PDB file of N, CA and C in Angstrom:
ATOM      1  N   UNK A   1       0.824  -1.187   0.000  1.00  0.00           N
ATOM      2  CA  UNK A   1       0.000   0.000   0.000  1.00  0.00           C
ATOM      3  C   UNK A   1       0.870   1.253   0.000  1.00  0.00           C
ATOM      4  N   UNK A   2       1.937   1.210   0.727  1.00  0.00           N
ATOM      5  CA  UNK A   2       2.835   2.364   0.791  1.00  0.00           C
ATOM      6  C   UNK A   2       3.494   2.621  -0.559  1.00  0.00           C
ATOM      7  N   UNK A   3       3.804   1.549  -1.302  1.00  0.00           N
ATOM      8  CA  UNK A   3       4.404   1.692  -2.621  1.00  0.00           C
ATOM      9  C   UNK A   3       3.453   2.416  -3.580  1.00  0.00           C
ATOM     10  N   UNK A   4       2.175   2.102  -3.475  1.00  0.00           N
ATOM     11  CA  UNK A   4       1.191   2.741  -4.340  1.00  0.00           C
ATOM     12  C   UNK A   4       1.086   4.237  -4.037  1.00  0.00           C
ATOM     13  N   UNK A   5       1.160   4.588  -2.767  1.00  0.00           N
ATOM     14  CA  UNK A   5       1.106   5.994  -2.377  1.00  0.00           C
ATOM     15  C   UNK A   5       2.329   6.748  -2.913  1.00  0.00           C
ATOM     16  N   UNK A   6       3.470   6.123  -2.833  1.00  0.00           N
ATOM     17  CA  UNK A   6       4.709   6.744  -3.336  1.00  0.00           C
ATOM     18  C   UNK A   6       4.613   6.938  -4.845  1.00  0.00           C
ATOM     19  N   UNK A   7       4.139   5.921  -5.571  1.00  0.00           N
ATOM     20  CA  UNK A   7       3.978   6.021  -7.017  1.00  0.00           C
ATOM     21  C   UNK A   7       2.992   7.129  -7.372  1.00  0.00           C
ATOM     22  N   UNK A   8       1.909   7.205  -6.615  1.00  0.00           N
ATOM     23  CA  UNK A   8       0.903   8.239  -6.864  1.00  0.00           C
ATOM     24  C   UNK A   8       1.490   9.636  -6.619  1.00  0.00           C
ATOM     25  N   UNK A   9       2.241   9.790  -5.535  1.00  0.00           N
ATOM     26  CA  UNK A   9       2.857  11.073  -5.220  1.00  0.00           C
ATOM     27  C   UNK A   9       3.867  11.467  -6.299  1.00  0.00           C
ATOM     28  N   UNK A  10       4.651  10.512  -6.741  1.00  0.00           N
ATOM     29  CA  UNK A  10       5.646  10.786  -7.781  1.00  0.00           C
ATOM     30  C   UNK A  10       4.965  11.193  -9.080  1.00  0.00           C
ATOM     31  N   UNK A  11       3.893  10.512  -9.432  1.00  0.00           N
ATOM     32  CA  UNK A  11       3.202  10.872 -10.670  1.00  0.00           C
ATOM     33  C   UNK A  11       2.560  12.248 -10.554  1.00  0.00           C
ATOM     34  N   UNK A  12       2.035  12.622  -9.389  1.00  0.00           N
ATOM     35  CA  UNK A  12       1.479  13.962  -9.184  1.00  0.00           C
ATOM     36  C   UNK A  12       2.570  15.024  -9.320  1.00  0.00           C
ATOM     37  N   UNK A  13       3.724  14.766  -8.728  1.00  0.00           N
ATOM     38  CA  UNK A  13       4.835  15.711  -8.829  1.00  0.00           C
ATOM     39  C   UNK A  13       5.330  15.826 -10.272  1.00  0.00           C
ATOM     40  N   UNK A  14       5.354  14.738 -10.992  1.00  0.00           N
ATOM     41  CA  UNK A  14       5.788  14.764 -12.390  1.00  0.00           C
ATOM     42  C   UNK A  14       4.839  15.625 -13.222  1.00  0.00           C
ATOM     43  N   UNK A  15       3.540  15.515 -12.961  1.00  0.00           N
ATOM     44  CA  UNK A  15       2.560  16.325 -13.678  1.00  0.00           C
ATOM     45  C   UNK A  15       2.749  17.801 -13.338  1.00  0.00           C
ATOM     46  N   UNK A  16       2.976  18.097 -12.066  1.00  0.00           N
ATOM     47  CA  UNK A  16       3.199  19.490 -11.657  1.00  0.00           C
ATOM     48  C   UNK A  16       4.450  20.061 -12.330  1.00  0.00           C
ATOM     49  N   UNK A  17       5.509  19.275 -12.377  1.00  0.00           N
ATOM     50  CA  UNK A  17       6.753  19.726 -13.007  1.00  0.00           C
ATOM     51  C   UNK A  17       6.526  19.967 -14.496  1.00  0.00           C
ATOM     52  N   UNK A  18       5.828  19.056 -15.162  1.00  0.00           N
ATOM     53  CA  UNK A  18       5.543  19.235 -16.590  1.00  0.00           C
ATOM     54  C   UNK A  18       4.731  20.500 -16.836  1.00  0.00           C
ATOM     55  N   UNK A  19       3.765  20.772 -15.962  1.00  0.00           N
ATOM     56  CA  UNK A  19       2.955  21.988 -16.099  1.00  0.00           C
ATOM     57  C   UNK A  19       3.809  23.240 -15.921  1.00  0.00           C
ATOM     58  N   UNK A  20       4.701  23.240 -14.949  1.00  0.00           N
ATOM     59  CA  UNK A  20       5.578  24.389 -14.725  1.00  0.00           C
ATOM     60  C   UNK A  20       6.521  24.601 -15.899  1.00  0.00           C
ATOM     61  N   UNK A  21       7.047  23.513 -16.450  1.00  0.00           N
ATOM     62  CA  UNK A  21       7.938  23.619 -17.604  1.00  0.00           C
ATOM     63  C   UNK A  21       7.187  24.214 -18.787  1.00  0.00           C
ATOM     64  N   UNK A  22       5.959  23.774 -19.013  1.00  0.00           N
ATOM     65  CA  UNK A  22       5.158  24.315 -20.114  1.00  0.00           C
ATOM     66  C   UNK A  22       4.869  25.797 -19.890  1.00  0.00           C
ATOM     67  N   UNK A  23       4.571  26.157 -18.648  1.00  0.00           N
ATOM     68  CA  UNK A  23       4.303  27.563 -18.309  1.00  0.00           C
ATOM     69  C   UNK A  23       5.536  28.430 -18.550  1.00  0.00           C
ATOM     70  N   UNK A  24       6.691  27.959 -18.120  1.00  0.00           N
ATOM     71  CA  UNK A  24       7.932  28.700 -18.329  1.00  0.00           C
ATOM     72  C   UNK A  24       8.279  28.809 -19.816  1.00  0.00           C
ATOM     73  N   UNK A  25       8.036  27.753 -20.561  1.00  0.00           N
ATOM     74  CA  UNK A  25       8.313  27.788 -21.997  1.00  0.00           C
ATOM     75  C   UNK A  25       7.464  28.843 -22.691  1.00  0.00           C
ATOM     76  N   UNK A  26       6.188  28.921 -22.324  1.00  0.00           N
ATOM     77  CA  UNK A  26       5.305  29.934 -22.910  1.00  0.00           C
ATOM     78  C   UNK A  26       5.777  31.331 -22.548  1.00  0.00           C
ATOM     79  N   UNK A  27       6.203  31.510 -21.304  1.00  0.00           N
ATOM     80  CA  UNK A  27       6.689  32.815 -20.852  1.00  0.00           C
ATOM     81  C   UNK A  27       7.952  33.217 -21.613  1.00  0.00           C
ATOM     82  N   UNK A  28       8.848  32.281 -21.806  1.00  0.00           N
ATOM     83  CA  UNK A  28      10.090  32.560 -22.534  1.00  0.00           C
ATOM     84  C   UNK A  28       9.785  32.899 -23.984  1.00  0.00           C
ATOM     85  N   UNK A  29       8.875  32.144 -24.603  1.00  0.00           N
ATOM     86  CA  UNK A  29       8.507  32.425 -25.996  1.00  0.00           C
ATOM     87  C   UNK A  29       7.899  33.812 -26.134  1.00  0.00           C
ATOM     88  N   UNK A  30       7.072  34.194 -25.172  1.00  0.00           N
ATOM     89  CA  UNK A  30       6.445  35.514 -25.214  1.00  0.00           C
ATOM     90  C   UNK A  30       7.500  36.607 -25.077  1.00  0.00           C
ATOM     91  N   UNK A  31       8.397  36.462 -24.118  1.00  0.00           N
ATOM     92  CA  UNK A  31       9.461  37.452 -23.916  1.00  0.00           C
ATOM     93  C   UNK A  31      10.363  37.532 -25.136  1.00  0.00           C
ATOM     94  N   UNK A  32      10.709  36.399 -25.704  1.00  0.00           N
ATOM     95  CA  UNK A  32      11.565  36.372 -26.885  1.00  0.00           C
ATOM     96  C   UNK A  32      10.893  37.097 -28.048  1.00  0.00           C
ATOM     97  N   UNK A  33       9.613  36.844 -28.232  1.00  0.00           N
ATOM     98  CA  UNK A  33       8.889  37.494 -29.319  1.00  0.00           C
ATOM     99  C   UNK A  33       8.843  38.999 -29.156  1.00  0.00           C
ATOM    100  N   UNK A  34       8.625  39.462 -27.919  1.00  0.00           N
ATOM    101  CA  UNK A  34       8.589  40.909 -27.659  1.00  0.00           C
ATOM    102  C   UNK A  34       9.952  41.538 -27.927  1.00  0.00           C
ATOM    103  N   UNK A  35      11.006  40.912 -27.447  1.00  0.00           N
ATOM    104  CA  UNK A  35      12.360  41.459 -27.646  1.00  0.00           C
ATOM    105  C   UNK A  35      12.745  41.443 -29.120  1.00  0.00           C
ATOM    106  N   UNK A  36      12.341  40.402 -29.838  1.00  0.00           N
ATOM    107  CA  UNK A  36      12.653  40.319 -31.255  1.00  0.00           C
ATOM    108  C   UNK A  36      11.956  41.437 -32.020  1.00  0.00           C
ATOM    109  N   UNK A  37      10.689  41.677 -31.718  1.00  0.00           N
ATOM    110  CA  UNK A  37       9.955  42.760 -32.377  1.00  0.00           C
ATOM    111  C   UNK A  37      10.586  44.115 -32.073  1.00  0.00           C
ATOM    112  N   UNK A  38      10.984  44.325 -30.824  1.00  0.00           N
ATOM    113  CA  UNK A  38      11.617  45.585 -30.433  1.00  0.00           C
ATOM    114  C   UNK A  38      12.923  45.795 -31.196  1.00  0.00           C
ATOM    115  N   UNK A  39      13.728  44.741 -31.258  1.00  0.00           N
ATOM    116  CA  UNK A  39      15.017  44.835 -31.944  1.00  0.00           C
ATOM    117  C   UNK A  39      14.837  45.089 -33.440  1.00  0.00           C
ATOM    118  N   UNK A  40      13.896  44.389 -34.045  1.00  0.00           N
ATOM    119  CA  UNK A  40      13.654  44.607 -35.474  1.00  0.00           C
ATOM    120  C   UNK A  40      13.173  46.030 -35.732  1.00  0.00           C
ATOM    121  N   UNK A  41      12.354  46.560 -34.838  1.00  0.00           N
ATOM    122  CA  UNK A  41      11.888  47.934 -34.985  1.00  0.00           C
ATOM    123  C   UNK A  41      13.030  48.932 -34.900  1.00  0.00           C
ATOM    124  N   UNK A  42      13.919  48.721 -33.937  1.00  0.00           N
ATOM    125  CA  UNK A  42      15.068  49.623 -33.790  1.00  0.00           C
ATOM    126  C   UNK A  42      15.983  49.548 -35.013  1.00  0.00           C
ATOM    127  N   UNK A  43      16.194  48.356 -35.534  1.00  0.00           N
ATOM    128  CA  UNK A  43      17.040  48.211 -36.715  1.00  0.00           C
ATOM    129  C   UNK A  43      16.407  48.868 -37.941  1.00  0.00           C
ATOM    130  N   UNK A  44      15.105  48.780 -38.053  1.00  0.00           N
ATOM    131  CA  UNK A  44      14.425  49.370 -39.201  1.00  0.00           C
ATOM    132  C   UNK A  44      14.400  50.893 -39.131  1.00  0.00           C
ATOM    133  N   UNK A  45      14.514  51.452 -37.924  1.00  0.00           N
ATOM    134  CA  UNK A  45      14.526  52.910 -37.781  1.00  0.00           C
ATOM    135  C   UNK A  45      15.779  53.515 -38.408  1.00  0.00           C
ATOM    136  N   UNK A  46      16.929  52.913 -38.138  1.00  0.00           N
ATOM    137  CA  UNK A  46      18.183  53.474 -38.623  1.00  0.00           C
ATOM    138  C   UNK A  46      19.184  52.335 -38.894  1.00  0.00           C
ATOM    139  N   UNK A  47      19.008  51.612 -39.987  1.00  0.00           N
ATOM    140  CA  UNK A  47      19.852  50.431 -40.218  1.00  0.00           C
ATOM    141  C   UNK A  47      21.324  50.762 -40.454  1.00  0.00           C
ATOM    142  N   UNK A  48      21.614  51.922 -41.059  1.00  0.00           N
ATOM    143  CA  UNK A  48      23.017  52.248 -41.359  1.00  0.00           C
ATOM    144  C   UNK A  48      23.823  52.513 -40.093  1.00  0.00           C
ATOM    145  N   UNK A  49      23.190  53.054 -39.070  1.00  0.00           N
ATOM    146  CA  UNK A  49      23.895  53.284 -37.803  1.00  0.00           C
ATOM    147  C   UNK A  49      24.313  51.958 -37.178  1.00  0.00           C
ATOM    148  N   UNK A  50      23.443  50.970 -37.236  1.00  0.00           N
ATOM    149  CA  UNK A  50      23.780  49.671 -36.664  1.00  0.00           C
ATOM    150  C   UNK A  50      24.827  48.949 -37.504  1.00  0.00           C
ATOM    151  N   UNK A  51      24.757  49.103 -38.818  1.00  0.00           N
ATOM    152  CA  UNK A  51      25.769  48.506 -39.688  1.00  0.00           C
ATOM    153  C   UNK A  51      27.126  49.153 -39.431  1.00  0.00           C
ATOM    154  N   UNK A  52      27.147  50.462 -39.286  1.00  0.00           N
ATOM    155  CA  UNK A  52      28.411  51.160 -39.021  1.00  0.00           C
ATOM    156  C   UNK A  52      28.970  50.730 -37.664  1.00  0.00           C
ATOM    157  N   UNK A  53      28.106  50.617 -36.681  1.00  0.00           N
ATOM    158  CA  UNK A  53      28.555  50.177 -35.356  1.00  0.00           C
ATOM    159  C   UNK A  53      29.135  48.777 -35.400  1.00  0.00           C
ATOM    160  N   UNK A  54      28.485  47.889 -36.134  1.00  0.00           N
ATOM    161  CA  UNK A  54      28.993  46.517 -36.262  1.00  0.00           C
ATOM    162  C   UNK A  54      30.331  46.500 -36.996  1.00  0.00           C
ATOM    163  N   UNK A  55      30.443  47.329 -38.030  1.00  0.00           N
ATOM    164  CA  UNK A  55      31.694  47.386 -38.796  1.00  0.00           C
ATOM    165  C   UNK A  55      32.837  47.864 -37.914  1.00  0.00           C
ATOM    166  N   UNK A  56      32.641  48.990 -37.236  1.00  0.00           N
ATOM    167  CA  UNK A  56      33.710  49.523 -36.392  1.00  0.00           C
ATOM    168  C   UNK A  56      34.008  48.616 -35.206  1.00  0.00           C
ATOM    169  N   UNK A  57      32.993  47.975 -34.680  1.00  0.00           N
ATOM    170  CA  UNK A  57      33.233  46.993 -33.622  1.00  0.00           C
ATOM    171  C   UNK A  57      34.112  45.860 -34.114  1.00  0.00           C
ATOM    172  N   UNK A  58      33.858  45.403 -35.351  1.00  0.00           N
ATOM    173  CA  UNK A  58      34.682  44.348 -35.936  1.00  0.00           C
ATOM    174  C   UNK A  58      36.101  44.795 -36.185  1.00  0.00           C
ATOM    175  N   UNK A  59      36.268  46.044 -36.635  1.00  0.00           N
ATOM    176  CA  UNK A  59      37.613  46.577 -36.869  1.00  0.00           C
ATOM    177  C   UNK A  59      38.387  46.645 -35.553  1.00  0.00           C
ATOM    178  N   UNK A  60      37.753  47.137 -34.521  1.00  0.00           N
ATOM    179  CA  UNK A  60      38.414  47.238 -33.211  1.00  0.00           C
ATOM    180  C   UNK A  60      38.748  45.846 -32.673  1.00  0.00           C
ATOM    181  N   UNK A  61      37.819  44.905 -32.806  1.00  0.00           N
ATOM    182  CA  UNK A  61      38.064  43.548 -32.323  1.00  0.00           C
ATOM    183  C   UNK A  61      39.230  42.918 -33.090  1.00  0.00           C
ATOM    184  N   UNK A  62      39.272  43.122 -34.410  1.00  0.00           N
ATOM    185  CA  UNK A  62      40.389  42.612 -35.206  1.00  0.00           C
ATOM    186  C   UNK A  62      41.717  43.195 -34.791  1.00  0.00           C
ATOM    187  N   UNK A  63      41.718  44.482 -34.514  1.00  0.00           N
ATOM    188  CA  UNK A  63      42.938  45.149 -34.066  1.00  0.00           C
ATOM    189  C   UNK A  63      43.399  44.578 -32.736  1.00  0.00           C
ATOM    190  N   UNK A  64      42.488  44.432 -31.808  1.00  0.00           N
ATOM    191  CA  UNK A  64      42.848  43.892 -30.487  1.00  0.00           C
ATOM    192  C   UNK A  64      43.337  42.455 -30.586  1.00  0.00           C
ATOM    193  N   UNK A  65      42.732  41.677 -31.448  1.00  0.00           N
ATOM    194  CA  UNK A  65      43.161  40.275 -31.590  1.00  0.00           C
ATOM    195  C   UNK A  65      44.528  40.176 -32.262  1.00  0.00           C
ATOM    196  N   UNK A  66      44.822  41.080 -33.175  1.00  0.00           N
ATOM    197  CA  UNK A  66      46.115  41.009 -33.845  1.00  0.00           C
ATOM    198  C   UNK A  66      47.241  41.465 -32.920  1.00  0.00           C
ATOM    199  N   UNK A  67      46.939  42.298 -31.935  1.00  0.00           N
ATOM    200  CA  UNK A  67      47.949  42.750 -30.981  1.00  0.00           C
ATOM    201  C   UNK A  67      48.326  41.667 -29.989  1.00  0.00           C
ATOM    202  N   UNK A  68      47.521  40.678 -29.825  1.00  0.00           N
ATOM    203  CA  UNK A  68      47.725  39.663 -28.789  1.00  0.00           C
ATOM    204  C   UNK A  68      48.802  38.640 -29.076  1.00  0.00           C
ATOM    205  N   UNK A  69      49.676  38.882 -30.010  1.00  0.00           N
ATOM    206  CA  UNK A  69      50.722  37.914 -30.359  1.00  0.00           C
ATOM    207  C   UNK A  69      51.692  37.698 -29.281  1.00  0.00           C
TER     208      UNK A  69
END
């Protein structure tokens, strides 16, 4: 009888964990979607500024990496 209670408790906990994982996954997907939309909007406002920033960031990173000999 005790084994059945343990199995029942474990299965209840497994269901609770699965529900929490599903809830967290939905929350993460929602947050990701909001951040993606925000980022795309910012890039569409002034794409050349972001391209220039990426270019100069790459130039600086290349310079720093070449100095590390």
